[in-house]
Amino acid sequence: METRKQIHFILNPISGKGKNKLDQTLVRSLFKAQAYDLVIKTSTQKKEAKTLAKKSVQEGADVVVACGGDGTINEVASALVDTPVLLGILRFGSGNGLASNLNIPKKLTDALLVIKHQITTKIDVGAINQHFFFSNVSIGFGAQLIYHYSKTNTRQFLSYAYAFLKAFIKANKAPRVSLSVDNKTITINPFILFVSNSNEMGYSLSLTPQASLKDGKLDLVYINNVSFLNKIFLAGLMVIKKINKSKLIHYQTTKKLKITNTEIASFLIQIDGESERLDTETVSVEIKEKALNVIVP
């Protein structure tokens, strides 16, 4: 007798616009009890999704489905790196950068059918110190953007736009850093310092439109502090995915880099759409090739 597949769903009920619910009747109509054992778990606080995912791995899950946004996906996927367990994604978030890059359908039924068909691919994983990331990390403007976005009451595009504008001003206060990459070290005062594994940040915005989840490289973007008018110009290029055409931008690919804060032993940083404060003067960023199994269309 064929063993039933174990699929664990981990739901963040407050991703995106909040009040998310997983239609269990729909789920169970697609995944019949004769072939599947289903477990639905709900996270109640930040970082709990990772704990729940780790427990699912220990419980023998074949598939763990992240039901949320990029932050939830990061937590769940972090528990699956370097394991044979498959990551499934249901888009309950706001930006949905990684899900969009992977062409995960927005409609719940279609996304569930993708999980049922279980076509898989291996993608690269970024690592910054002890943290994994699957889309991107940043300091300067990107970190300020997510910090201010996290302080808004609603996770909607208008909130994102408000945080976007506020970050333009606050990014002037980014610390001076020493950047070491490909055996070269420079000191910069970055308006943007962005390291990406994916070609989308969320809301169809991109700083690294040429990035790939499978090329074994990270895409590095940095821009030294610039005038307000140049910031507006760069924002426009970002919207039309042409920012890499600007002469103000430095763009390269690499397998690893190191960033040292020359002012204080701390970084305000953005990791996959979540604001983090890392209490260290140096962060090391590198790529782990094909370290995560993901279900895709």
C-alpha atoms as a PDB file:
ATOM      1  CA  MET A   1       0.000   0.000   0.000  1.00  0.00           C
ATOM      2  CA  GLU A   2       1.373   3.409  -0.981  1.00  0.00           C
ATOM      3  CA  THR A   3       2.246   5.697   1.914  1.00  0.00           C
ATOM      4  CA  ARG A   4       0.132   8.819   2.157  1.00  0.00           C
ATOM      5  CA  LYS A   5       1.981  12.092   1.667  1.00  0.00           C
ATOM      6  CA  GLN A   6       2.184  14.402   4.653  1.00  0.00           C
ATOM      7  CA  ILE A   7       1.486  18.041   3.836  1.00  0.00           C
ATOM      8  CA  HIS A   8       1.730  20.614   6.612  1.00  0.00           C
ATOM      9  CA  PHE A   9       0.274  24.094   6.098  1.00  0.00           C
ATOM     10  CA  ILE A  10       1.658  26.906   8.260  1.00  0.00           C
ATOM     11  CA  LEU A  11      -0.607  29.947   8.221  1.00  0.00           C
ATOM     12  CA  ASN A  12       0.269  33.470   9.271  1.00  0.00           C
ATOM     13  CA  PRO A  13      -3.211  34.937   9.883  1.00  0.00           C
ATOM     14  CA  ILE A  14      -2.008  38.549   9.853  1.00  0.00           C
ATOM     15  CA  SER A  15       0.110  38.579   6.672  1.00  0.00           C
ATOM     16  CA  GLY A  16      -0.796  41.197   4.092  1.00  0.00           C
ATOM     17  CA  LYS A  17      -4.163  42.740   4.867  1.00  0.00           C
ATOM     18  CA  GLY A  18      -4.588  40.466   7.891  1.00  0.00           C
ATOM     19  CA  LYS A  19      -7.419  38.160   8.963  1.00  0.00           C
ATOM     20  CA  ASN A  20      -6.200  35.377   6.681  1.00  0.00           C
ATOM     21  CA  LYS A  21      -8.028  32.080   6.755  1.00  0.00           C
ATOM     22  CA  LEU A  22      -7.228  28.863   4.959  1.00  0.00           C
ATOM     23  CA  ASP A  23     -10.389  27.348   3.476  1.00  0.00           C
ATOM     24  CA  GLN A  24     -10.112  23.866   4.949  1.00  0.00           C
ATOM     25  CA  THR A  25     -13.094  22.586   2.985  1.00  0.00           C
ATOM     26  CA  LEU A  26     -11.382  23.564  -0.263  1.00  0.00           C
ATOM     27  CA  VAL A  27      -8.051  22.117   0.844  1.00  0.00           C
ATOM     28  CA  ARG A  28      -9.551  18.780   1.851  1.00  0.00           C
ATOM     29  CA  SER A  29     -11.584  18.580  -1.367  1.00  0.00           C
ATOM     30  CA  LEU A  30      -8.354  18.726  -3.385  1.00  0.00           C
ATOM     31  CA  PHE A  31      -6.205  16.555  -1.128  1.00  0.00           C
ATOM     32  CA  LYS A  32      -8.236  13.431  -0.465  1.00  0.00           C
ATOM     33  CA  ALA A  33      -7.734  11.601   2.829  1.00  0.00           C
ATOM     34  CA  GLN A  34      -6.900   8.366   1.000  1.00  0.00           C
ATOM     35  CA  ALA A  35      -3.708   9.903  -0.395  1.00  0.00           C
ATOM     36  CA  TYR A  36      -2.780  12.728   1.958  1.00  0.00           C
ATOM     37  CA  ASP A  37      -2.323  13.405   5.650  1.00  0.00           C
ATOM     38  CA  LEU A  38      -2.954  17.118   6.185  1.00  0.00           C
ATOM     39  CA  VAL A  39      -1.877  19.219   9.149  1.00  0.00           C
ATOM     40  CA  ILE A  40      -2.786  22.903   9.465  1.00  0.00           C
ATOM     41  CA  LYS A  41      -0.826  25.033  11.932  1.00  0.00           C
ATOM     42  CA  THR A  42      -1.290  28.715  12.761  1.00  0.00           C
ATOM     43  CA  SER A  43       1.489  31.022  13.955  1.00  0.00           C
ATOM     44  CA  THR A  44       0.492  33.490  16.653  1.00  0.00           C
ATOM     45  CA  GLN A  45       3.656  35.588  16.889  1.00  0.00           C
ATOM     46  CA  LYS A  46       6.763  36.612  14.959  1.00  0.00           C
ATOM     47  CA  LYS A  47       9.322  33.817  14.443  1.00  0.00           C
ATOM     48  CA  GLU A  48       6.816  31.109  15.446  1.00  0.00           C
ATOM     49  CA  ALA A  49       6.355  29.961  11.840  1.00  0.00           C
ATOM     50  CA  LYS A  50       9.998  28.818  11.777  1.00  0.00           C
ATOM     51  CA  THR A  51       9.522  26.857  14.999  1.00  0.00           C
ATOM     52  CA  LEU A  52       6.390  25.220  13.611  1.00  0.00           C
ATOM     53  CA  ALA A  53       8.188  24.358  10.366  1.00  0.00           C
ATOM     54  CA  LYS A  54      11.106  22.783  12.235  1.00  0.00           C
ATOM     55  CA  LYS A  55       8.633  20.639  14.149  1.00  0.00           C
ATOM     56  CA  SER A  56       6.964  19.622  10.876  1.00  0.00           C
ATOM     57  CA  VAL A  57      10.326  18.416   9.545  1.00  0.00           C
ATOM     58  CA  GLN A  58      10.803  16.369  12.711  1.00  0.00           C
ATOM     59  CA  GLU A  59       7.295  14.973  12.304  1.00  0.00           C
ATOM     60  CA  GLY A  60       8.138  13.628   8.857  1.00  0.00           C
ATOM     61  CA  ALA A  61       6.352  16.115   6.615  1.00  0.00           C
ATOM     62  CA  ASP A  62       6.961  15.657   2.890  1.00  0.00           C
ATOM     63  CA  VAL A  63       5.776  19.174   2.079  1.00  0.00           C
ATOM     64  CA  VAL A  64       5.559  22.279   4.272  1.00  0.00           C
ATOM     65  CA  VAL A  65       3.422  25.070   2.845  1.00  0.00           C
ATOM     66  CA  ALA A  66       4.086  28.674   3.852  1.00  0.00           C
ATOM     67  CA  CYS A  67       0.768  30.546   3.868  1.00  0.00           C
ATOM     68  CA  GLY A  68       1.726  34.203   4.116  1.00  0.00           C
ATOM     69  CA  GLY A  69       4.052  36.845   2.710  1.00  0.00           C
ATOM     70  CA  ASP A  70       7.801  37.013   2.213  1.00  0.00           C
ATOM     71  CA  GLY A  71       8.461  37.129   5.958  1.00  0.00           C
ATOM     72  CA  THR A  72       6.443  33.973   6.579  1.00  0.00           C
ATOM     73  CA  ILE A  73       8.061  32.257   3.605  1.00  0.00           C
ATOM     74  CA  ASN A  74      11.474  33.170   5.002  1.00  0.00           C
ATOM     75  CA  GLU A  75      10.665  31.645   8.383  1.00  0.00           C
ATOM     76  CA  VAL A  76       9.260  28.415   6.947  1.00  0.00           C
ATOM     77  CA  ALA A  77      11.879  28.020   4.223  1.00  0.00           C
ATOM     78  CA  SER A  78      14.715  28.630   6.705  1.00  0.00           C
ATOM     79  CA  ALA A  79      13.691  25.423   8.470  1.00  0.00           C
ATOM     80  CA  LEU A  80      13.810  23.458   5.187  1.00  0.00           C
ATOM     81  CA  VAL A  81      17.242  24.495   3.865  1.00  0.00           C
ATOM     82  CA  ASP A  82      19.460  21.465   3.166  1.00  0.00           C
ATOM     83  CA  THR A  83      16.601  19.014   3.779  1.00  0.00           C
ATOM     84  CA  PRO A  84      14.593  16.934   1.254  1.00  0.00           C
ATOM     85  CA  VAL A  85      11.343  18.520   2.465  1.00  0.00           C
ATOM     86  CA  LEU A  86       9.535  20.516  -0.230  1.00  0.00           C
ATOM     87  CA  LEU A  87       8.424  24.114   0.223  1.00  0.00           C
ATOM     88  CA  GLY A  88       4.964  25.054  -1.020  1.00  0.00           C
ATOM     89  CA  ILE A  89       3.693  28.643  -1.126  1.00  0.00           C
ATOM     90  CA  LEU A  90       0.239  30.196  -0.781  1.00  0.00           C
ATOM     91  CA  ARG A  91       0.246  33.956  -1.392  1.00  0.00           C
ATOM     92  CA  PHE A  92      -1.358  35.630   1.628  1.00  0.00           C
ATOM     93  CA  GLY A  93       1.135  38.494   1.852  1.00  0.00           C
ATOM     94  CA  SER A  94       1.337  42.010   0.466  1.00  0.00           C
ATOM     95  CA  GLY A  95       4.552  42.320  -1.552  1.00  0.00           C
ATOM     96  CA  ASN A  96       4.933  38.625  -2.455  1.00  0.00           C
ATOM     97  CA  GLY A  97       8.312  39.156  -4.139  1.00  0.00           C
ATOM     98  CA  LEU A  98       9.569  35.564  -4.020  1.00  0.00           C
ATOM     99  CA  ALA A  99       6.173  34.063  -4.902  1.00  0.00           C
ATOM    100  CA  SER A 100       5.953  36.374  -7.890  1.00  0.00           C
ATOM    101  CA  ASN A 101       9.454  35.461  -9.050  1.00  0.00           C
ATOM    102  CA  LEU A 102       8.464  31.774  -8.845  1.00  0.00           C
ATOM    103  CA  ASN A 103       5.195  32.428 -10.739  1.00  0.00           C
ATOM    104  CA  ILE A 104       3.048  31.109  -7.882  1.00  0.00           C
ATOM    105  CA  PRO A 105      -0.612  31.795  -8.794  1.00  0.00           C
ATOM    106  CA  LYS A 106      -2.510  34.405  -6.798  1.00  0.00           C
ATOM    107  CA  LYS A 107      -5.764  32.441  -6.832  1.00  0.00           C
ATOM    108  CA  LEU A 108      -5.917  30.006  -3.905  1.00  0.00           C
ATOM    109  CA  THR A 109      -7.335  27.077  -5.864  1.00  0.00           C
ATOM    110  CA  ASP A 110      -4.674  27.389  -8.560  1.00  0.00           C
ATOM    111  CA  ALA A 111      -1.890  27.627  -5.983  1.00  0.00           C
ATOM    112  CA  LEU A 112      -3.193  24.528  -4.197  1.00  0.00           C
ATOM    113  CA  LEU A 113      -3.223  22.620  -7.489  1.00  0.00           C
ATOM    114  CA  VAL A 114       0.418  23.605  -8.022  1.00  0.00           C
ATOM    115  CA  ILE A 115       1.222  22.032  -4.650  1.00  0.00           C
ATOM    116  CA  LYS A 116      -0.779  18.924  -5.538  1.00  0.00           C
ATOM    117  CA  HIS A 117       1.073  18.417  -8.845  1.00  0.00           C
ATOM    118  CA  GLN A 118       4.434  18.757  -7.041  1.00  0.00           C
ATOM    119  CA  ILE A 119       6.668  19.933  -9.852  1.00  0.00           C
ATOM    120  CA  THR A 120       9.845  20.902  -8.027  1.00  0.00           C
ATOM    121  CA  THR A 121      12.976  22.934  -8.574  1.00  0.00           C
ATOM    122  CA  LYS A 122      16.054  23.669  -6.496  1.00  0.00           C
ATOM    123  CA  ILE A 123      16.863  27.310  -5.771  1.00  0.00           C
ATOM    124  CA  ASP A 124      19.823  29.100  -4.255  1.00  0.00           C
ATOM    125  CA  VAL A 125      19.693  30.458  -0.720  1.00  0.00           C
ATOM    126  CA  GLY A 126      21.405  33.552   0.633  1.00  0.00           C
ATOM    127  CA  ALA A 127      22.981  33.593   4.089  1.00  0.00           C
ATOM    128  CA  ILE A 128      23.797  36.677   6.159  1.00  0.00           C
ATOM    129  CA  ASN A 129      25.629  35.690   9.327  1.00  0.00           C
ATOM    130  CA  GLN A 130      23.265  33.126  10.891  1.00  0.00           C
ATOM    131  CA  HIS A 131      20.171  34.168   8.922  1.00  0.00           C
ATOM    132  CA  PHE A 132      18.935  32.764   5.614  1.00  0.00           C
ATOM    133  CA  PHE A 133      17.298  34.901   2.952  1.00  0.00           C
ATOM    134  CA  PHE A 134      15.586  33.906  -0.267  1.00  0.00           C
ATOM    135  CA  SER A 135      14.812  37.251  -1.896  1.00  0.00           C
ATOM    136  CA  ASN A 136      17.109  40.016  -0.632  1.00  0.00           C
ATOM    137  CA  VAL A 137      18.795  41.900   2.188  1.00  0.00           C
ATOM    138  CA  SER A 138      19.632  45.594   2.372  1.00  0.00           C
ATOM    139  CA  ILE A 139      20.868  48.484   4.472  1.00  0.00           C
ATOM    140  CA  GLY A 140      20.329  52.181   3.855  1.00  0.00           C
ATOM    141  CA  PHE A 141      17.183  52.969   1.895  1.00  0.00           C
ATOM    142  CA  GLY A 142      15.895  49.384   1.761  1.00  0.00           C
ATOM    143  CA  ALA A 143      16.239  48.866   5.502  1.00  0.00           C
ATOM    144  CA  GLN A 144      14.579  52.218   6.248  1.00  0.00           C
ATOM    145  CA  LEU A 145      11.751  51.398   3.837  1.00  0.00           C
ATOM    146  CA  ILE A 146      10.860  48.156   5.591  1.00  0.00           C
ATOM    147  CA  TYR A 147      11.363  49.679   9.054  1.00  0.00           C
ATOM    148  CA  HIS A 148       8.821  52.438   8.335  1.00  0.00           C
ATOM    149  CA  TYR A 149       6.513  50.001   6.527  1.00  0.00           C
ATOM    150  CA  SER A 150       6.471  47.762   9.610  1.00  0.00           C
ATOM    151  CA  LYS A 151       5.263  50.729  11.663  1.00  0.00           C
ATOM    152  CA  THR A 152       2.163  51.310   9.497  1.00  0.00           C
ATOM    153  CA  ASN A 153      -1.230  49.989  10.552  1.00  0.00           C
ATOM    154  CA  THR A 154      -2.049  48.301   7.246  1.00  0.00           C
ATOM    155  CA  ARG A 155       0.005  46.234   4.810  1.00  0.00           C
ATOM    156  CA  GLN A 156      -1.241  47.815   1.597  1.00  0.00           C
ATOM    157  CA  PHE A 157       0.357  49.564  -1.369  1.00  0.00           C
ATOM    158  CA  LEU A 158      -0.447  53.068  -0.029  1.00  0.00           C
ATOM    159  CA  SER A 159       1.334  52.186   3.216  1.00  0.00           C
ATOM    160  CA  TYR A 160       4.275  50.939   1.171  1.00  0.00           C
ATOM    161  CA  ALA A 161       4.320  54.168  -0.852  1.00  0.00           C
ATOM    162  CA  TYR A 162       4.268  56.249   2.353  1.00  0.00           C
ATOM    163  CA  ALA A 163       7.162  54.247   3.797  1.00  0.00           C
ATOM    164  CA  PHE A 164       8.981  54.523   0.457  1.00  0.00           C
ATOM    165  CA  LEU A 165       8.888  58.333   0.584  1.00  0.00           C
ATOM    166  CA  LYS A 166       9.835  58.525   4.254  1.00  0.00           C
ATOM    167  CA  ALA A 167      12.791  56.235   3.685  1.00  0.00           C
ATOM    168  CA  PHE A 168      14.142  58.629   1.046  1.00  0.00           C
ATOM    169  CA  ILE A 169      14.751  61.170   3.785  1.00  0.00           C
ATOM    170  CA  LYS A 170      15.924  58.821   6.519  1.00  0.00           C
ATOM    171  CA  ALA A 171      18.357  56.950   4.253  1.00  0.00           C
ATOM    172  CA  ASN A 172      20.710  59.936   4.547  1.00  0.00           C
ATOM    173  CA  LYS A 173      21.476  58.647   8.031  1.00  0.00           C
ATOM    174  CA  ALA A 174      22.797  55.289   6.835  1.00  0.00           C
ATOM    175  CA  PRO A 175      26.161  54.471   8.448  1.00  0.00           C
ATOM    176  CA  ARG A 176      29.454  54.648   6.587  1.00  0.00           C
ATOM    177  CA  VAL A 177      30.542  51.108   5.798  1.00  0.00           C
ATOM    178  CA  SER A 178      33.512  49.178   4.535  1.00  0.00           C
ATOM    179  CA  LEU A 179      32.513  46.844   1.707  1.00  0.00           C
ATOM    180  CA  SER A 180      34.730  43.889   0.800  1.00  0.00           C
ATOM    181  CA  VAL A 181      33.889  41.975  -2.371  1.00  0.00           C
ATOM    182  CA  ASP A 182      35.996  39.993  -4.846  1.00  0.00           C
ATOM    183  CA  ASN A 183      39.254  40.782  -3.035  1.00  0.00           C
ATOM    184  CA  LYS A 184      38.605  44.537  -3.104  1.00  0.00           C
ATOM    185  CA  THR A 185      37.640  46.771  -0.172  1.00  0.00           C
ATOM    186  CA  ILE A 186      36.089  50.224  -0.444  1.00  0.00           C
ATOM    187  CA  THR A 187      34.476  52.617   2.022  1.00  0.00           C
ATOM    188  CA  ILE A 188      31.080  54.036   1.059  1.00  0.00           C
ATOM    189  CA  ASN A 189      28.212  56.004   2.557  1.00  0.00           C
ATOM    190  CA  PRO A 190      25.388  54.105   0.855  1.00  0.00           C
ATOM    191  CA  PHE A 191      22.012  55.522  -0.044  1.00  0.00           C
ATOM    192  CA  ILE A 192      21.310  51.944  -1.164  1.00  0.00           C
ATOM    193  CA  LEU A 193      23.238  48.773  -0.409  1.00  0.00           C
ATOM    194  CA  PHE A 194      21.206  45.851  -1.658  1.00  0.00           C
ATOM    195  CA  VAL A 195      22.068  42.170  -2.058  1.00  0.00           C
ATOM    196  CA  SER A 196      19.583  40.023  -3.931  1.00  0.00           C
ATOM    197  CA  ASN A 197      18.953  36.395  -4.805  1.00  0.00           C
ATOM    198  CA  SER A 198      15.689  37.212  -6.619  1.00  0.00           C
ATOM    199  CA  ASN A 199      14.649  39.547  -9.422  1.00  0.00           C
ATOM    200  CA  GLU A 200      11.797  41.186  -7.492  1.00  0.00           C
ATOM    201  CA  MET A 201      11.428  43.075  -4.212  1.00  0.00           C
ATOM    202  CA  GLY A 202       7.615  42.977  -4.164  1.00  0.00           C
ATOM    203  CA  TYR A 203       4.802  44.979  -5.779  1.00  0.00           C
ATOM    204  CA  SER A 204       6.622  44.311  -9.090  1.00  0.00           C
ATOM    205  CA  LEU A 205       9.470  46.647  -8.016  1.00  0.00           C
ATOM    206  CA  SER A 206      13.034  45.588  -8.681  1.00  0.00           C
ATOM    207  CA  LEU A 207      16.602  46.734  -8.144  1.00  0.00           C
ATOM    208  CA  THR A 208      18.008  43.560  -9.706  1.00  0.00           C
ATOM    209  CA  PRO A 209      15.849  42.653 -12.726  1.00  0.00           C
ATOM    210  CA  GLN A 210      18.563  40.341 -14.068  1.00  0.00           C
ATOM    211  CA  ALA A 211      18.928  38.303 -10.883  1.00  0.00           C
ATOM    212  CA  SER A 212      18.269  34.574 -10.912  1.00  0.00           C
ATOM    213  CA  LEU A 213      17.377  32.128  -8.155  1.00  0.00           C
ATOM    214  CA  LYS A 214      19.475  29.462  -9.850  1.00  0.00           C
ATOM    215  CA  ASP A 215      22.712  31.062 -11.058  1.00  0.00           C
ATOM    216  CA  GLY A 216      24.784  30.422  -7.932  1.00  0.00           C
ATOM    217  CA  LYS A 217      25.416  34.135  -7.486  1.00  0.00           C
ATOM    218  CA  LEU A 218      24.206  37.122  -5.514  1.00  0.00           C
ATOM    219  CA  ASP A 219      23.408  40.408  -7.238  1.00  0.00           C
ATOM    220  CA  LEU A 220      24.966  43.384  -5.445  1.00  0.00           C
ATOM    221  CA  VAL A 221      23.722  46.942  -5.908  1.00  0.00           C
ATOM    222  CA  TYR A 222      25.096  49.992  -4.158  1.00  0.00           C
ATOM    223  CA  ILE A 223      24.609  53.710  -4.673  1.00  0.00           C
ATOM    224  CA  ASN A 224      26.508  56.315  -2.700  1.00  0.00           C
ATOM    225  CA  ASN A 225      24.419  59.051  -1.119  1.00  0.00           C
ATOM    226  CA  VAL A 226      22.926  61.292  -3.809  1.00  0.00           C
ATOM    227  CA  SER A 227      20.800  64.430  -4.078  1.00  0.00           C
ATOM    228  CA  PHE A 228      17.048  64.355  -3.546  1.00  0.00           C
ATOM    229  CA  LEU A 229      16.411  64.924  -7.266  1.00  0.00           C
ATOM    230  CA  ASN A 230      18.616  61.973  -8.123  1.00  0.00           C
ATOM    231  CA  LYS A 231      16.679  59.878  -5.616  1.00  0.00           C
ATOM    232  CA  ILE A 232      13.442  60.749  -7.441  1.00  0.00           C
ATOM    233  CA  PHE A 233      15.090  59.836 -10.737  1.00  0.00           C
ATOM    234  CA  LEU A 234      16.258  56.512  -9.336  1.00  0.00           C
ATOM    235  CA  ALA A 235      12.795  55.775  -7.947  1.00  0.00           C
ATOM    236  CA  GLY A 236      11.338  56.208 -11.420  1.00  0.00           C
ATOM    237  CA  LEU A 237      13.915  53.875 -12.927  1.00  0.00           C
ATOM    238  CA  MET A 238      13.105  51.317 -10.219  1.00  0.00           C
ATOM    239  CA  VAL A 239       9.413  51.346 -11.095  1.00  0.00           C
ATOM    240  CA  ILE A 240      10.137  50.648 -14.781  1.00  0.00           C
ATOM    241  CA  LYS A 241      12.852  48.093 -13.905  1.00  0.00           C
ATOM    242  CA  LYS A 242      15.621  50.097 -15.580  1.00  0.00           C
ATOM    243  CA  ILE A 243      17.581  51.159 -12.517  1.00  0.00           C
ATOM    244  CA  ASN A 244      20.593  49.116 -13.593  1.00  0.00           C
ATOM    245  CA  LYS A 245      20.921  51.544 -16.550  1.00  0.00           C
ATOM    246  CA  SER A 246      21.775  54.497 -14.271  1.00  0.00           C
ATOM    247  CA  LYS A 247      25.375  55.724 -14.102  1.00  0.00           C
ATOM    248  CA  LEU A 248      24.853  56.322 -10.377  1.00  0.00           C
ATOM    249  CA  ILE A 249      24.543  52.633  -9.661  1.00  0.00           C
ATOM    250  CA  HIS A 250      27.196  50.006  -9.094  1.00  0.00           C
ATOM    251  CA  TYR A 251      25.908  46.550 -10.062  1.00  0.00           C
ATOM    252  CA  GLN A 252      27.836  43.291  -9.953  1.00  0.00           C
ATOM    253  CA  THR A 253      27.393  39.619  -9.169  1.00  0.00           C
ATOM    254  CA  THR A 254      29.397  37.765  -6.563  1.00  0.00           C
ATOM    255  CA  LYS A 255      29.336  34.665  -4.399  1.00  0.00           C
ATOM    256  CA  LYS A 256      30.178  36.406  -1.130  1.00  0.00           C
ATOM    257  CA  LEU A 257      30.882  39.773   0.436  1.00  0.00           C
ATOM    258  CA  LYS A 258      31.494  41.395   3.798  1.00  0.00           C
ATOM    259  CA  ILE A 259      30.106  44.660   5.167  1.00  0.00           C
ATOM    260  CA  THR A 260      31.608  46.391   8.199  1.00  0.00           C
ATOM    261  CA  ASN A 261      29.959  49.300   9.985  1.00  0.00           C
ATOM    262  CA  THR A 262      32.740  51.816  10.620  1.00  0.00           C
ATOM    263  CA  GLU A 263      30.658  53.886  13.049  1.00  0.00           C
ATOM    264  CA  ILE A 264      28.781  51.561  15.438  1.00  0.00           C
ATOM    265  CA  ALA A 265      28.605  47.823  16.113  1.00  0.00           C
ATOM    266  CA  SER A 266      25.060  47.510  14.808  1.00  0.00           C
ATOM    267  CA  PHE A 267      23.077  47.332  11.564  1.00  0.00           C
ATOM    268  CA  LEU A 268      19.493  48.210  10.755  1.00  0.00           C
ATOM    269  CA  ILE A 269      18.864  45.680   8.039  1.00  0.00           C
ATOM    270  CA  GLN A 270      16.042  44.373   5.893  1.00  0.00           C
ATOM    271  CA  ILE A 271      15.806  40.600   5.419  1.00  0.00           C
ATOM    272  CA  ASP A 272      13.096  39.348   3.036  1.00  0.00           C
ATOM    273  CA  GLY A 273      10.748  42.192   3.848  1.00  0.00           C
ATOM    274  CA  GLU A 274      11.286  42.161   7.614  1.00  0.00           C
ATOM    275  CA  SER A 275      13.157  44.767   9.642  1.00  0.00           C
ATOM    276  CA  GLU A 276      15.966  43.441  11.837  1.00  0.00           C
ATOM    277  CA  ARG A 277      18.586  45.001  14.100  1.00  0.00           C
ATOM    278  CA  LEU A 278      21.821  42.991  14.050  1.00  0.00           C
ATOM    279  CA  ASP A 279      24.141  43.792  16.954  1.00  0.00           C
ATOM    280  CA  THR A 280      27.442  43.283  15.199  1.00  0.00           C
ATOM    281  CA  GLU A 281      29.935  45.494  13.397  1.00  0.00           C
ATOM    282  CA  THR A 282      30.416  43.040  10.512  1.00  0.00           C
ATOM    283  CA  VAL A 283      28.039  40.958   8.418  1.00  0.00           C
ATOM    284  CA  SER A 284      29.118  38.287   5.953  1.00  0.00           C
ATOM    285  CA  VAL A 285      26.846  37.484   3.020  1.00  0.00           C
ATOM    286  CA  GLU A 286      27.188  34.396   0.829  1.00  0.00           C
ATOM    287  CA  ILE A 287      25.256  32.073  -1.460  1.00  0.00           C
ATOM    288  CA  LYS A 288      24.303  28.429  -0.837  1.00  0.00           C
ATOM    289  CA  GLU A 289      23.705  26.862  -4.216  1.00  0.00           C
ATOM    290  CA  LYS A 290      20.525  24.843  -4.821  1.00  0.00           C
ATOM    291  CA  ALA A 291      19.890  24.426  -1.093  1.00  0.00           C
ATOM    292  CA  LEU A 292      16.077  24.576  -1.101  1.00  0.00           C
ATOM    293  CA  ASN A 293      13.478  22.380  -2.853  1.00  0.00           C
ATOM    294  CA  VAL A 294      10.450  24.435  -3.959  1.00  0.00           C
ATOM    295  CA  ILE A 295       7.183  23.426  -5.615  1.00  0.00           C
ATOM    296  CA  VAL A 296       6.518  25.558  -8.708  1.00  0.00           C
ATOM    297  CA  PRO A 297       3.999  25.652 -11.589  1.00  0.00           C
END
